Amino acid sequence: MKGFFIMKTTCEICEKETKDKVSYLELDTWEFDFLNKEKKDFYSICFDCFDKHTNNFIDKEMDLELRKKRSLSVNREIQEEIEAILEIES
């Protein structure tokens, strides 16, 4: 049986030594736009950095959804007020 080793590299975010890899598809999916991307299939990104970024991304999306819901409810309230004013003026 031939032996093999996993080459350790440095994380492209925090520069700590890691053997973790992330595919370019995952980088696109999770919007790692801040990375200086080269044309390669895998990027060395440690689990902690990947986890932190994806959690922030999910939180940002949740905030966006909450803002949309609030905006819709506020718009509905404003619409109701406008309709009430128009009824009074009629």
C-alpha atoms as a PDB file:
ATOM      1  CA  MET A   1       0.000   0.000   0.000  1.00  0.00           C
ATOM      2  CA  LYS A   2       1.368   3.340  -1.016  1.00  0.00           C
ATOM      3  CA  GLY A   3       1.297   6.105   1.548  1.00  0.00           C
ATOM      4  CA  PHE A   4      -0.007   9.534   0.817  1.00  0.00           C
ATOM      5  CA  PHE A   5      -0.203  12.752   2.742  1.00  0.00           C
ATOM      6  CA  ILE A   6      -2.548  15.684   2.786  1.00  0.00           C
ATOM      7  CA  MET A   7      -0.675  18.822   2.031  1.00  0.00           C
ATOM      8  CA  LYS A   8      -1.429  21.553   4.522  1.00  0.00           C
ATOM      9  CA  THR A   9      -1.755  25.079   3.228  1.00  0.00           C
ATOM     10  CA  THR A  10      -2.795  28.366   4.734  1.00  0.00           C
ATOM     11  CA  CYS A  11      -6.370  29.609   4.903  1.00  0.00           C
ATOM     12  CA  GLU A  12      -6.971  32.317   2.313  1.00  0.00           C
ATOM     13  CA  ILE A  13      -8.881  34.376   4.887  1.00  0.00           C
ATOM     14  CA  CYS A  14      -7.109  34.086   8.246  1.00  0.00           C
ATOM     15  CA  GLU A  15      -3.804  32.635   6.963  1.00  0.00           C
ATOM     16  CA  LYS A  16      -3.752  29.853   9.597  1.00  0.00           C
ATOM     17  CA  GLU A  17      -2.545  26.437   8.562  1.00  0.00           C
ATOM     18  CA  THR A  18      -5.385  24.220   7.298  1.00  0.00           C
ATOM     19  CA  LYS A  19      -6.090  21.152   5.261  1.00  0.00           C
ATOM     20  CA  ASP A  20      -9.716  22.209   4.630  1.00  0.00           C
ATOM     21  CA  LYS A  21     -10.756  22.992   1.071  1.00  0.00           C
ATOM     22  CA  VAL A  22     -13.784  24.778  -0.385  1.00  0.00           C
ATOM     23  CA  SER A  23     -14.857  24.445  -4.008  1.00  0.00           C
ATOM     24  CA  TYR A  24     -15.257  27.464  -6.250  1.00  0.00           C
ATOM     25  CA  LEU A  25     -18.976  26.600  -6.502  1.00  0.00           C
ATOM     26  CA  GLU A  26     -19.383  26.992  -2.748  1.00  0.00           C
ATOM     27  CA  LEU A  27     -17.559  30.326  -2.910  1.00  0.00           C
ATOM     28  CA  ASP A  28     -20.023  31.545  -5.516  1.00  0.00           C
ATOM     29  CA  THR A  29     -23.037  30.181  -3.641  1.00  0.00           C
ATOM     30  CA  TRP A  30     -22.054  31.804  -0.355  1.00  0.00           C
ATOM     31  CA  GLU A  31     -20.823  35.020  -2.028  1.00  0.00           C
ATOM     32  CA  PHE A  32     -17.198  35.062  -0.948  1.00  0.00           C
ATOM     33  CA  ASP A  33     -16.796  38.111  -3.193  1.00  0.00           C
ATOM     34  CA  PHE A  34     -14.064  39.637  -1.043  1.00  0.00           C
ATOM     35  CA  LEU A  35     -11.585  36.873  -1.931  1.00  0.00           C
ATOM     36  CA  ASN A  36      -9.065  37.432  -4.670  1.00  0.00           C
ATOM     37  CA  LYS A  37     -10.283  34.505  -6.735  1.00  0.00           C
ATOM     38  CA  GLU A  38      -8.021  32.716  -9.136  1.00  0.00           C
ATOM     39  CA  LYS A  39      -9.118  30.088 -11.598  1.00  0.00           C
ATOM     40  CA  LYS A  40      -8.887  26.966  -9.470  1.00  0.00           C
ATOM     41  CA  ASP A  41     -11.286  24.255  -8.398  1.00  0.00           C
ATOM     42  CA  PHE A  42     -10.624  24.416  -4.660  1.00  0.00           C
ATOM     43  CA  TYR A  43      -9.573  27.135  -2.239  1.00  0.00           C
ATOM     44  CA  SER A  44      -7.906  26.642   1.120  1.00  0.00           C
ATOM     45  CA  ILE A  45     -10.352  28.024   3.663  1.00  0.00           C
ATOM     46  CA  CYS A  46     -10.463  26.726   7.215  1.00  0.00           C
ATOM     47  CA  PHE A  47     -13.750  25.519   8.635  1.00  0.00           C
ATOM     48  CA  ASP A  48     -13.927  28.363  11.181  1.00  0.00           C
ATOM     49  CA  CYS A  49     -13.653  31.059   8.509  1.00  0.00           C
ATOM     50  CA  PHE A  50     -16.103  29.273   6.228  1.00  0.00           C
ATOM     51  CA  ASP A  51     -18.575  28.789   9.083  1.00  0.00           C
ATOM     52  CA  LYS A  52     -18.278  32.390  10.245  1.00  0.00           C
ATOM     53  CA  HIS A  53     -18.835  33.785   6.757  1.00  0.00           C
ATOM     54  CA  THR A  54     -21.784  31.516   5.949  1.00  0.00           C
ATOM     55  CA  ASN A  55     -23.453  32.323   9.288  1.00  0.00           C
ATOM     56  CA  ASN A  56     -23.040  36.051   8.608  1.00  0.00           C
ATOM     57  CA  PHE A  57     -24.430  35.532   5.112  1.00  0.00           C
ATOM     58  CA  ILE A  58     -27.469  33.661   6.485  1.00  0.00           C
ATOM     59  CA  ASP A  59     -28.007  36.343   9.150  1.00  0.00           C
ATOM     60  CA  LYS A  60     -27.851  39.032   6.482  1.00  0.00           C
ATOM     61  CA  GLU A  61     -30.437  37.164   4.398  1.00  0.00           C
ATOM     62  CA  MET A  62     -32.692  36.747   7.441  1.00  0.00           C
ATOM     63  CA  ASP A  63     -32.402  40.468   8.176  1.00  0.00           C
ATOM     64  CA  LEU A  64     -33.301  41.192   4.575  1.00  0.00           C
ATOM     65  CA  GLU A  65     -36.389  38.964   4.799  1.00  0.00           C
ATOM     66  CA  LEU A  66     -37.460  40.627   8.055  1.00  0.00           C
ATOM     67  CA  ARG A  67     -36.997  44.057   6.513  1.00  0.00           C
ATOM     68  CA  LYS A  68     -39.124  43.036   3.522  1.00  0.00           C
ATOM     69  CA  LYS A  69     -41.894  41.774   5.814  1.00  0.00           C
ATOM     70  CA  ARG A  70     -41.764  44.959   7.907  1.00  0.00           C
ATOM     71  CA  SER A  71     -41.810  47.062   4.779  1.00  0.00           C
ATOM     72  CA  LEU A  72     -44.884  45.257   3.506  1.00  0.00           C
ATOM     73  CA  SER A  73     -46.710  45.720   6.809  1.00  0.00           C
ATOM     74  CA  VAL A  74     -45.749  49.399   7.000  1.00  0.00           C
ATOM     75  CA  ASN A  75     -46.854  49.929   3.421  1.00  0.00           C
ATOM     76  CA  ARG A  76     -50.178  48.240   4.231  1.00  0.00           C
ATOM     77  CA  GLU A  77     -50.655  50.506   7.263  1.00  0.00           C
ATOM     78  CA  ILE A  78     -49.861  53.601   5.207  1.00  0.00           C
ATOM     79  CA  GLN A  79     -52.226  52.422   2.479  1.00  0.00           C
ATOM     80  CA  GLU A  80     -55.006  51.958   5.063  1.00  0.00           C
ATOM     81  CA  GLU A  81     -54.390  55.466   6.441  1.00  0.00           C
ATOM     82  CA  ILE A  82     -54.510  56.957   2.956  1.00  0.00           C
ATOM     83  CA  GLU A  83     -57.776  55.128   2.244  1.00  0.00           C
ATOM     84  CA  ALA A  84     -59.230  56.338   5.561  1.00  0.00           C
ATOM     85  CA  ILE A  85     -58.262  59.958   4.756  1.00  0.00           C
ATOM     86  CA  LEU A  86     -59.776  59.677   1.278  1.00  0.00           C
ATOM     87  CA  GLU A  87     -63.021  58.279   2.746  1.00  0.00           C
ATOM     88  CA  ILE A  88     -63.243  61.202   5.179  1.00  0.00           C
ATOM     89  CA  GLU A  89     -62.620  63.728   2.410  1.00  0.00           C
ATOM     90  CA  SER A  90     -65.248  62.152   0.131  1.00  0.00           C
END
